[in-house]
Amino acid sequence: MEQEFAEKVKELQSIIEESSKIVFFGGAGVSTESGIPDFRSQDGLYQQQWKYPPETIISRSFFDHDPKEFYRFYRAKLIVKDVKPNITHKKLAELEAAGKLTAVVTQNIDGLHQLAGSKTVYELHGSTLRNNCMKCGKFYGIDHIADSENAESKLPLCECGGLVKPDVVLYEEGLDDNVVNGAIQAISEADTLIIGGTSLVVYPAAGLIRYFKGNKIVLINKSETQADSMADLVIHDSLGKVFENIKV
């Protein structure tokens, strides 16, 4: 088994060395090794008990109907502070700095790719680090949302009195056109697409990989995905274990 893993890593290393326009498309599995729980694994958010199903709570209609309960869940489950980039984030940033990787397309909302040094990052589902008043548009950082637990209203309010909303794409909301178009262009121009840490079940994000027209698709995920059959190289293992063996 270890011999098979070593051979696959060696093949990935060769693919990277032969590529000049790599795009990395990642999901929750990229950040779990930084201590951020994913949504759909056995220990993920969707398996935990709450007053309402998580899919319901993080929908736009629920946000509008019951913002206090939304933020109670959001603060407890989606704000993860003091986390640091892991080896995967760091290696991807190194590949970009080396001129090998042109973009990261991520479904994550934690900002860890940028913290690791990546410059071109398309955040399909937004970021918990950006928050704006729905009334006047004023920007607030993540601490304003986290600290609202201590407010009398239990809501993150702007100094103008408006409600501050995270720049996170909720269920029932559409993706940002500029972000999607940038991701599509990067994927369509790539010579290698590395898909990592995603089950590829969340649409429309997962549908973006169909725009790839390049040479090699590499898929790294602990479990099988619907795209395994279209990949040139499939590694069913953790991203950290794979990328710690990659030389840039």
C-alpha atoms as a PDB file:
ATOM      1  CA  MET A   1       0.000   0.000   0.000  1.00  0.00           C
ATOM      2  CA  GLU A   2       2.784   2.437   0.895  1.00  0.00           C
ATOM      3  CA  GLN A   3       4.595   1.477  -2.295  1.00  0.00           C
ATOM      4  CA  GLU A   4       1.484   2.302  -4.329  1.00  0.00           C
ATOM      5  CA  PHE A   5       1.151   5.646  -2.535  1.00  0.00           C
ATOM      6  CA  ALA A   6       4.820   6.470  -3.191  1.00  0.00           C
ATOM      7  CA  GLU A   7       4.395   5.699  -6.881  1.00  0.00           C
ATOM      8  CA  LYS A   8       1.330   7.937  -7.136  1.00  0.00           C
ATOM      9  CA  VAL A   9       3.122  10.807  -5.396  1.00  0.00           C
ATOM     10  CA  LYS A  10       6.035  10.351  -7.787  1.00  0.00           C
ATOM     11  CA  GLU A  11       3.591  10.547 -10.711  1.00  0.00           C
ATOM     12  CA  LEU A  12       2.054  13.715  -9.262  1.00  0.00           C
ATOM     13  CA  GLN A  13       5.513  15.233  -8.876  1.00  0.00           C
ATOM     14  CA  SER A  14       6.200  14.528 -12.564  1.00  0.00           C
ATOM     15  CA  ILE A  15       2.878  16.061 -13.618  1.00  0.00           C
ATOM     16  CA  ILE A  16       3.655  19.218 -11.613  1.00  0.00           C
ATOM     17  CA  GLU A  17       7.144  19.496 -13.083  1.00  0.00           C
ATOM     18  CA  GLU A  18       5.762  19.186 -16.611  1.00  0.00           C
ATOM     19  CA  SER A  19       2.984  21.746 -16.026  1.00  0.00           C
ATOM     20  CA  SER A  20       3.099  25.531 -16.187  1.00  0.00           C
ATOM     21  CA  LYS A  21      -0.562  26.463 -15.612  1.00  0.00           C
ATOM     22  CA  ILE A  22      -1.873  24.442 -12.697  1.00  0.00           C
ATOM     23  CA  VAL A  23      -5.202  25.281 -11.087  1.00  0.00           C
ATOM     24  CA  PHE A  24      -6.130  23.797  -7.717  1.00  0.00           C
ATOM     25  CA  PHE A  25      -9.832  23.267  -7.029  1.00  0.00           C
ATOM     26  CA  GLY A  26     -10.398  22.552  -3.350  1.00  0.00           C
ATOM     27  CA  GLY A  27     -13.049  21.864  -0.762  1.00  0.00           C
ATOM     28  CA  ALA A  28     -13.410  21.327   2.977  1.00  0.00           C
ATOM     29  CA  GLY A  29     -10.764  18.586   3.066  1.00  0.00           C
ATOM     30  CA  VAL A  30      -8.103  21.223   2.457  1.00  0.00           C
ATOM     31  CA  SER A  31      -8.795  22.885   5.805  1.00  0.00           C
ATOM     32  CA  THR A  32      -9.739  19.966   8.052  1.00  0.00           C
ATOM     33  CA  GLU A  33      -6.047  19.436   8.827  1.00  0.00           C
ATOM     34  CA  SER A  34      -5.984  22.986  10.192  1.00  0.00           C
ATOM     35  CA  GLY A  35      -8.704  21.992  12.658  1.00  0.00           C
ATOM     36  CA  ILE A  36     -11.703  23.322  10.731  1.00  0.00           C
ATOM     37  CA  PRO A  37     -14.527  20.736  10.629  1.00  0.00           C
ATOM     38  CA  ASP A  38     -16.008  19.901   7.257  1.00  0.00           C
ATOM     39  CA  PHE A  39     -19.720  19.773   6.548  1.00  0.00           C
ATOM     40  CA  ARG A  40     -20.365  16.257   5.391  1.00  0.00           C
ATOM     41  CA  SER A  41     -17.906  13.857   7.001  1.00  0.00           C
ATOM     42  CA  GLN A  42     -18.976  11.630   9.875  1.00  0.00           C
ATOM     43  CA  ASP A  43     -17.796  14.269  12.343  1.00  0.00           C
ATOM     44  CA  GLY A  44     -18.816  17.247  10.223  1.00  0.00           C
ATOM     45  CA  LEU A  45     -21.367  19.919  10.949  1.00  0.00           C
ATOM     46  CA  TYR A  46     -24.194  18.072   9.238  1.00  0.00           C
ATOM     47  CA  GLN A  47     -23.949  15.177  11.697  1.00  0.00           C
ATOM     48  CA  GLN A  48     -24.305  17.321  14.804  1.00  0.00           C
ATOM     49  CA  GLN A  49     -27.536  18.045  16.630  1.00  0.00           C
ATOM     50  CA  TRP A  50     -28.977  21.568  16.470  1.00  0.00           C
ATOM     51  CA  LYS A  51     -32.341  23.238  16.843  1.00  0.00           C
ATOM     52  CA  TYR A  52     -32.796  23.199  13.067  1.00  0.00           C
ATOM     53  CA  PRO A  53     -30.904  21.352  10.308  1.00  0.00           C
ATOM     54  CA  PRO A  54     -27.718  23.287   9.405  1.00  0.00           C
ATOM     55  CA  GLU A  55     -28.869  23.530   5.775  1.00  0.00           C
ATOM     56  CA  THR A  56     -31.952  25.389   7.010  1.00  0.00           C
ATOM     57  CA  ILE A  57     -30.097  27.717   9.364  1.00  0.00           C
ATOM     58  CA  ILE A  58     -27.515  28.853   6.816  1.00  0.00           C
ATOM     59  CA  SER A  59     -30.110  29.734   4.192  1.00  0.00           C
ATOM     60  CA  ARG A  60     -30.986  33.281   3.183  1.00  0.00           C
ATOM     61  CA  SER A  61     -34.647  32.873   4.109  1.00  0.00           C
ATOM     62  CA  PHE A  62     -33.707  31.723   7.626  1.00  0.00           C
ATOM     63  CA  PHE A  63     -31.221  34.595   7.958  1.00  0.00           C
ATOM     64  CA  ASP A  64     -33.983  37.062   7.090  1.00  0.00           C
ATOM     65  CA  HIS A  65     -36.579  35.341   9.300  1.00  0.00           C
ATOM     66  CA  ASP A  66     -34.532  34.618  12.434  1.00  0.00           C
ATOM     67  CA  PRO A  67     -31.156  36.421  12.375  1.00  0.00           C
ATOM     68  CA  LYS A  68     -30.599  35.866  16.103  1.00  0.00           C
ATOM     69  CA  GLU A  69     -30.711  32.065  15.747  1.00  0.00           C
ATOM     70  CA  PHE A  70     -28.685  32.298  12.529  1.00  0.00           C
ATOM     71  CA  TYR A  71     -25.893  34.146  14.304  1.00  0.00           C
ATOM     72  CA  ARG A  72     -26.021  31.825  17.322  1.00  0.00           C
ATOM     73  CA  PHE A  73     -25.239  28.935  14.964  1.00  0.00           C
ATOM     74  CA  TYR A  74     -22.842  30.965  12.801  1.00  0.00           C
ATOM     75  CA  ARG A  75     -20.719  32.084  15.754  1.00  0.00           C
ATOM     76  CA  ALA A  76     -20.589  28.577  17.219  1.00  0.00           C
ATOM     77  CA  LYS A  77     -19.963  26.592  14.043  1.00  0.00           C
ATOM     78  CA  LEU A  78     -18.619  28.743  11.224  1.00  0.00           C
ATOM     79  CA  ILE A  79     -16.284  31.150  12.990  1.00  0.00           C
ATOM     80  CA  VAL A  80     -13.040  29.330  13.716  1.00  0.00           C
ATOM     81  CA  LYS A  81     -10.391  31.707  15.046  1.00  0.00           C
ATOM     82  CA  ASP A  82      -6.666  31.263  15.588  1.00  0.00           C
ATOM     83  CA  VAL A  83      -6.348  28.605  12.870  1.00  0.00           C
ATOM     84  CA  LYS A  84      -3.240  28.436  10.729  1.00  0.00           C
ATOM     85  CA  PRO A  85      -2.565  27.281   7.167  1.00  0.00           C
ATOM     86  CA  ASN A  86      -1.424  23.680   6.866  1.00  0.00           C
ATOM     87  CA  ILE A  87       1.111  22.049   4.554  1.00  0.00           C
ATOM     88  CA  THR A  88      -1.354  21.943   1.639  1.00  0.00           C
ATOM     89  CA  HIS A  89      -2.074  25.674   1.818  1.00  0.00           C
ATOM     90  CA  LYS A  90       1.660  26.400   2.071  1.00  0.00           C
ATOM     91  CA  LYS A  91       2.716  24.147  -0.811  1.00  0.00           C
ATOM     92  CA  LEU A  92       0.062  25.641  -3.090  1.00  0.00           C
ATOM     93  CA  ALA A  93       1.345  29.143  -2.249  1.00  0.00           C
ATOM     94  CA  GLU A  94       4.886  27.956  -3.034  1.00  0.00           C
ATOM     95  CA  LEU A  95       3.744  26.520  -6.372  1.00  0.00           C
ATOM     96  CA  GLU A  96       2.184  29.882  -7.259  1.00  0.00           C
ATOM     97  CA  ALA A  97       5.341  31.758  -6.240  1.00  0.00           C
ATOM     98  CA  ALA A  98       7.368  29.357  -8.393  1.00  0.00           C
ATOM     99  CA  GLY A  99       5.229  30.189 -11.435  1.00  0.00           C
ATOM    100  CA  LYS A 100       3.640  26.743 -11.616  1.00  0.00           C
ATOM    101  CA  LEU A 101       0.179  27.420 -10.224  1.00  0.00           C
ATOM    102  CA  THR A 102      -2.001  30.165 -11.690  1.00  0.00           C
ATOM    103  CA  ALA A 103      -5.009  30.066  -9.335  1.00  0.00           C
ATOM    104  CA  VAL A 104      -6.729  28.422  -6.398  1.00  0.00           C
ATOM    105  CA  VAL A 105     -10.474  27.920  -6.710  1.00  0.00           C
ATOM    106  CA  THR A 106     -11.898  27.168  -3.280  1.00  0.00           C
ATOM    107  CA  GLN A 107     -15.258  26.306  -1.761  1.00  0.00           C
ATOM    108  CA  ASN A 108     -13.885  27.211   1.692  1.00  0.00           C
ATOM    109  CA  ILE A 109     -14.681  30.430   3.546  1.00  0.00           C
ATOM    110  CA  ASP A 110     -11.759  30.548   5.999  1.00  0.00           C
ATOM    111  CA  GLY A 111      -9.208  32.690   4.120  1.00  0.00           C
ATOM    112  CA  LEU A 112      -6.362  30.252   4.844  1.00  0.00           C
ATOM    113  CA  HIS A 113      -5.076  30.185   1.269  1.00  0.00           C
ATOM    114  CA  GLN A 114      -4.403  33.929   1.377  1.00  0.00           C
ATOM    115  CA  LEU A 115      -2.913  33.629   4.859  1.00  0.00           C
ATOM    116  CA  ALA A 116      -0.474  31.054   3.467  1.00  0.00           C
ATOM    117  CA  GLY A 117       0.575  33.489   0.746  1.00  0.00           C
ATOM    118  CA  SER A 118      -1.599  32.599  -2.253  1.00  0.00           C
ATOM    119  CA  LYS A 119      -2.372  35.670  -4.355  1.00  0.00           C
ATOM    120  CA  THR A 120      -4.928  34.501  -6.919  1.00  0.00           C
ATOM    121  CA  VAL A 121      -7.760  32.861  -4.989  1.00  0.00           C
ATOM    122  CA  TYR A 122     -11.341  32.561  -6.188  1.00  0.00           C
ATOM    123  CA  GLU A 123     -13.551  32.096  -3.115  1.00  0.00           C
ATOM    124  CA  LEU A 124     -16.727  30.622  -4.584  1.00  0.00           C
ATOM    125  CA  HIS A 125     -18.637  30.724  -1.317  1.00  0.00           C
ATOM    126  CA  GLY A 126     -17.220  33.975   0.060  1.00  0.00           C
ATOM    127  CA  SER A 127     -15.314  34.511   3.305  1.00  0.00           C
ATOM    128  CA  THR A 128     -16.038  34.817   7.019  1.00  0.00           C
ATOM    129  CA  LEU A 129     -13.295  37.462   7.163  1.00  0.00           C
ATOM    130  CA  ARG A 130     -15.355  40.003   5.219  1.00  0.00           C
ATOM    131  CA  ASN A 131     -18.570  41.438   6.669  1.00  0.00           C
ATOM    132  CA  ASN A 132     -20.568  44.479   5.601  1.00  0.00           C
ATOM    133  CA  CYS A 133     -23.461  46.498   6.948  1.00  0.00           C
ATOM    134  CA  MET A 134     -26.578  45.785   4.898  1.00  0.00           C
ATOM    135  CA  LYS A 135     -27.679  49.408   5.350  1.00  0.00           C
ATOM    136  CA  CYS A 136     -24.598  51.599   4.777  1.00  0.00           C
ATOM    137  CA  GLY A 137     -22.060  49.071   3.485  1.00  0.00           C
ATOM    138  CA  LYS A 138     -19.404  49.661   6.168  1.00  0.00           C
ATOM    139  CA  PHE A 139     -16.810  46.861   6.409  1.00  0.00           C
ATOM    140  CA  TYR A 140     -16.273  44.864   9.583  1.00  0.00           C
ATOM    141  CA  GLY A 141     -13.798  42.111  10.433  1.00  0.00           C
ATOM    142  CA  ILE A 142     -14.549  38.695  11.872  1.00  0.00           C
ATOM    143  CA  ASP A 143     -14.183  39.896  15.478  1.00  0.00           C
ATOM    144  CA  HIS A 144     -17.241  42.115  15.151  1.00  0.00           C
ATOM    145  CA  ILE A 145     -19.354  39.051  14.346  1.00  0.00           C
ATOM    146  CA  ALA A 146     -17.756  36.912  17.055  1.00  0.00           C
ATOM    147  CA  ASP A 147     -18.103  39.606  19.723  1.00  0.00           C
ATOM    148  CA  SER A 148     -21.799  40.149  18.958  1.00  0.00           C
ATOM    149  CA  GLU A 149     -22.509  37.241  21.291  1.00  0.00           C
ATOM    150  CA  ASN A 150     -21.946  39.733  24.124  1.00  0.00           C
ATOM    151  CA  ALA A 151     -24.201  42.400  22.658  1.00  0.00           C
ATOM    152  CA  GLU A 152     -27.613  42.980  24.217  1.00  0.00           C
ATOM    153  CA  SER A 153     -29.293  42.229  20.875  1.00  0.00           C
ATOM    154  CA  LYS A 154     -27.065  39.183  20.205  1.00  0.00           C
ATOM    155  CA  LEU A 155     -26.733  40.619  16.688  1.00  0.00           C
ATOM    156  CA  PRO A 156     -23.728  42.223  14.930  1.00  0.00           C
ATOM    157  CA  LEU A 157     -25.011  45.726  14.388  1.00  0.00           C
ATOM    158  CA  CYS A 158     -23.317  48.592  12.559  1.00  0.00           C
ATOM    159  CA  GLU A 159     -22.833  51.948  14.237  1.00  0.00           C
ATOM    160  CA  CYS A 160     -25.559  53.191  11.870  1.00  0.00           C
ATOM    161  CA  GLY A 161     -27.942  50.602  13.309  1.00  0.00           C
ATOM    162  CA  GLY A 162     -27.949  48.305  10.295  1.00  0.00           C
ATOM    163  CA  LEU A 163     -27.375  44.548  10.467  1.00  0.00           C
ATOM    164  CA  VAL A 164     -23.883  43.373   9.494  1.00  0.00           C
ATOM    165  CA  LYS A 165     -23.930  40.353   7.146  1.00  0.00           C
ATOM    166  CA  PRO A 166     -21.022  38.003   6.418  1.00  0.00           C
ATOM    167  CA  ASP A 167     -19.742  37.854   2.845  1.00  0.00           C
ATOM    168  CA  VAL A 168     -20.635  34.170   2.790  1.00  0.00           C
ATOM    169  CA  VAL A 169     -22.879  32.663   0.124  1.00  0.00           C
ATOM    170  CA  LEU A 170     -25.880  31.217   1.924  1.00  0.00           C
ATOM    171  CA  TYR A 171     -28.239  28.585   0.566  1.00  0.00           C
ATOM    172  CA  GLU A 172     -30.744  30.235  -1.808  1.00  0.00           C
ATOM    173  CA  GLU A 173     -28.158  32.877  -2.757  1.00  0.00           C
ATOM    174  CA  GLY A 174     -26.307  32.923  -6.066  1.00  0.00           C
ATOM    175  CA  LEU A 175     -22.534  32.869  -6.450  1.00  0.00           C
ATOM    176  CA  ASP A 176     -20.727  36.100  -7.286  1.00  0.00           C
ATOM    177  CA  ASP A 177     -20.538  36.423 -11.078  1.00  0.00           C
ATOM    178  CA  ASN A 178     -17.080  37.998 -11.064  1.00  0.00           C
ATOM    179  CA  VAL A 179     -15.669  35.213  -8.895  1.00  0.00           C
ATOM    180  CA  VAL A 180     -17.301  32.493 -10.995  1.00  0.00           C
ATOM    181  CA  ASN A 181     -16.129  34.029 -14.271  1.00  0.00           C
ATOM    182  CA  GLY A 182     -12.571  34.357 -12.951  1.00  0.00           C
ATOM    183  CA  ALA A 183     -12.588  30.730 -11.805  1.00  0.00           C
ATOM    184  CA  ILE A 184     -13.961  29.538 -15.152  1.00  0.00           C
ATOM    185  CA  GLN A 185     -11.294  31.443 -17.073  1.00  0.00           C
ATOM    186  CA  ALA A 186      -8.499  30.070 -14.857  1.00  0.00           C
ATOM    187  CA  ILE A 187      -9.765  26.492 -15.160  1.00  0.00           C
ATOM    188  CA  SER A 188     -10.323  26.730 -18.914  1.00  0.00           C
ATOM    189  CA  GLU A 189      -6.758  28.014 -19.460  1.00  0.00           C
ATOM    190  CA  ALA A 190      -5.066  25.479 -17.151  1.00  0.00           C
ATOM    191  CA  ASP A 191      -2.914  22.639 -18.417  1.00  0.00           C
ATOM    192  CA  THR A 192      -3.369  20.667 -15.173  1.00  0.00           C
ATOM    193  CA  LEU A 193      -6.309  20.631 -12.764  1.00  0.00           C
ATOM    194  CA  ILE A 194      -5.716  19.292  -9.263  1.00  0.00           C
ATOM    195  CA  ILE A 195      -8.959  18.611  -7.393  1.00  0.00           C
ATOM    196  CA  GLY A 196      -8.500  18.100  -3.667  1.00  0.00           C
ATOM    197  CA  GLY A 197     -10.512  17.610  -0.498  1.00  0.00           C
ATOM    198  CA  THR A 198     -13.956  17.833  -2.060  1.00  0.00           C
ATOM    199  CA  SER A 199     -16.728  15.312  -2.582  1.00  0.00           C
ATOM    200  CA  LEU A 200     -17.870  17.300  -5.641  1.00  0.00           C
ATOM    201  CA  VAL A 201     -21.529  17.213  -4.599  1.00  0.00           C
ATOM    202  CA  VAL A 202     -22.085  20.955  -4.072  1.00  0.00           C
ATOM    203  CA  TYR A 203     -23.373  22.699  -7.176  1.00  0.00           C
ATOM    204  CA  PRO A 204     -22.908  24.983  -8.990  1.00  0.00           C
ATOM    205  CA  ALA A 205     -19.324  24.986  -7.649  1.00  0.00           C
ATOM    206  CA  ALA A 206     -18.601  21.355  -8.561  1.00  0.00           C
ATOM    207  CA  GLY A 207     -19.821  21.954 -12.116  1.00  0.00           C
ATOM    208  CA  LEU A 208     -16.937  24.327 -12.818  1.00  0.00           C
ATOM    209  CA  ILE A 209     -14.509  21.464 -13.462  1.00  0.00           C
ATOM    210  CA  ARG A 210     -16.295  20.764 -16.752  1.00  0.00           C
ATOM    211  CA  TYR A 211     -14.604  23.873 -18.168  1.00  0.00           C
ATOM    212  CA  PHE A 212     -11.192  22.195 -17.996  1.00  0.00           C
ATOM    213  CA  LYS A 213      -9.700  21.524 -21.426  1.00  0.00           C
ATOM    214  CA  GLY A 214      -6.089  20.779 -20.450  1.00  0.00           C
ATOM    215  CA  ASN A 215      -3.918  17.703 -20.251  1.00  0.00           C
ATOM    216  CA  LYS A 216      -4.134  16.173 -16.772  1.00  0.00           C
ATOM    217  CA  ILE A 217      -6.731  15.934 -14.020  1.00  0.00           C
ATOM    218  CA  VAL A 218      -5.460  14.844 -10.598  1.00  0.00           C
ATOM    219  CA  LEU A 219      -7.967  13.976  -7.890  1.00  0.00           C
ATOM    220  CA  ILE A 220      -6.898  13.743  -4.235  1.00  0.00           C
ATOM    221  CA  ASN A 221      -9.624  12.864  -1.737  1.00  0.00           C
ATOM    222  CA  LYS A 222      -9.972  10.393   1.116  1.00  0.00           C
ATOM    223  CA  SER A 223     -13.115   8.854  -0.386  1.00  0.00           C
ATOM    224  CA  GLU A 224     -14.298   8.177  -3.917  1.00  0.00           C
ATOM    225  CA  THR A 225     -15.988  10.939  -5.901  1.00  0.00           C
ATOM    226  CA  GLN A 226     -18.141  11.064  -9.010  1.00  0.00           C
ATOM    227  CA  ALA A 227     -15.153  12.447 -10.932  1.00  0.00           C
ATOM    228  CA  ASP A 228     -12.729   9.596 -10.177  1.00  0.00           C
ATOM    229  CA  SER A 229     -13.341   8.025 -13.578  1.00  0.00           C
ATOM    230  CA  MET A 230     -12.388  11.198 -15.456  1.00  0.00           C
ATOM    231  CA  ALA A 231      -9.113  11.738 -13.567  1.00  0.00           C
ATOM    232  CA  ASP A 232      -5.704  10.753 -14.928  1.00  0.00           C
ATOM    233  CA  LEU A 233      -4.408  10.220 -11.391  1.00  0.00           C
ATOM    234  CA  VAL A 234      -6.505   9.402  -8.315  1.00  0.00           C
ATOM    235  CA  ILE A 235      -5.058   9.363  -4.799  1.00  0.00           C
ATOM    236  CA  HIS A 236      -7.386   8.304  -2.001  1.00  0.00           C
ATOM    237  CA  ASP A 237      -5.471   9.762   0.930  1.00  0.00           C
ATOM    238  CA  SER A 238      -5.145  12.974   2.929  1.00  0.00           C
ATOM    239  CA  LEU A 239      -3.958  16.091   1.149  1.00  0.00           C
ATOM    240  CA  GLY A 240      -1.369  16.796   3.844  1.00  0.00           C
ATOM    241  CA  LYS A 241       0.225  13.398   3.422  1.00  0.00           C
ATOM    242  CA  VAL A 242       0.424  13.943  -0.326  1.00  0.00           C
ATOM    243  CA  PHE A 243       1.696  17.528  -0.357  1.00  0.00           C
ATOM    244  CA  GLU A 244       4.329  17.031   2.342  1.00  0.00           C
ATOM    245  CA  ASN A 245       6.018  14.744  -0.180  1.00  0.00           C
ATOM    246  CA  ILE A 246       5.868  17.231  -3.067  1.00  0.00           C
ATOM    247  CA  LYS A 247       8.984  19.259  -3.854  1.00  0.00           C
ATOM    248  CA  VAL A 248       8.549  22.736  -5.317  1.00  0.00           C
END
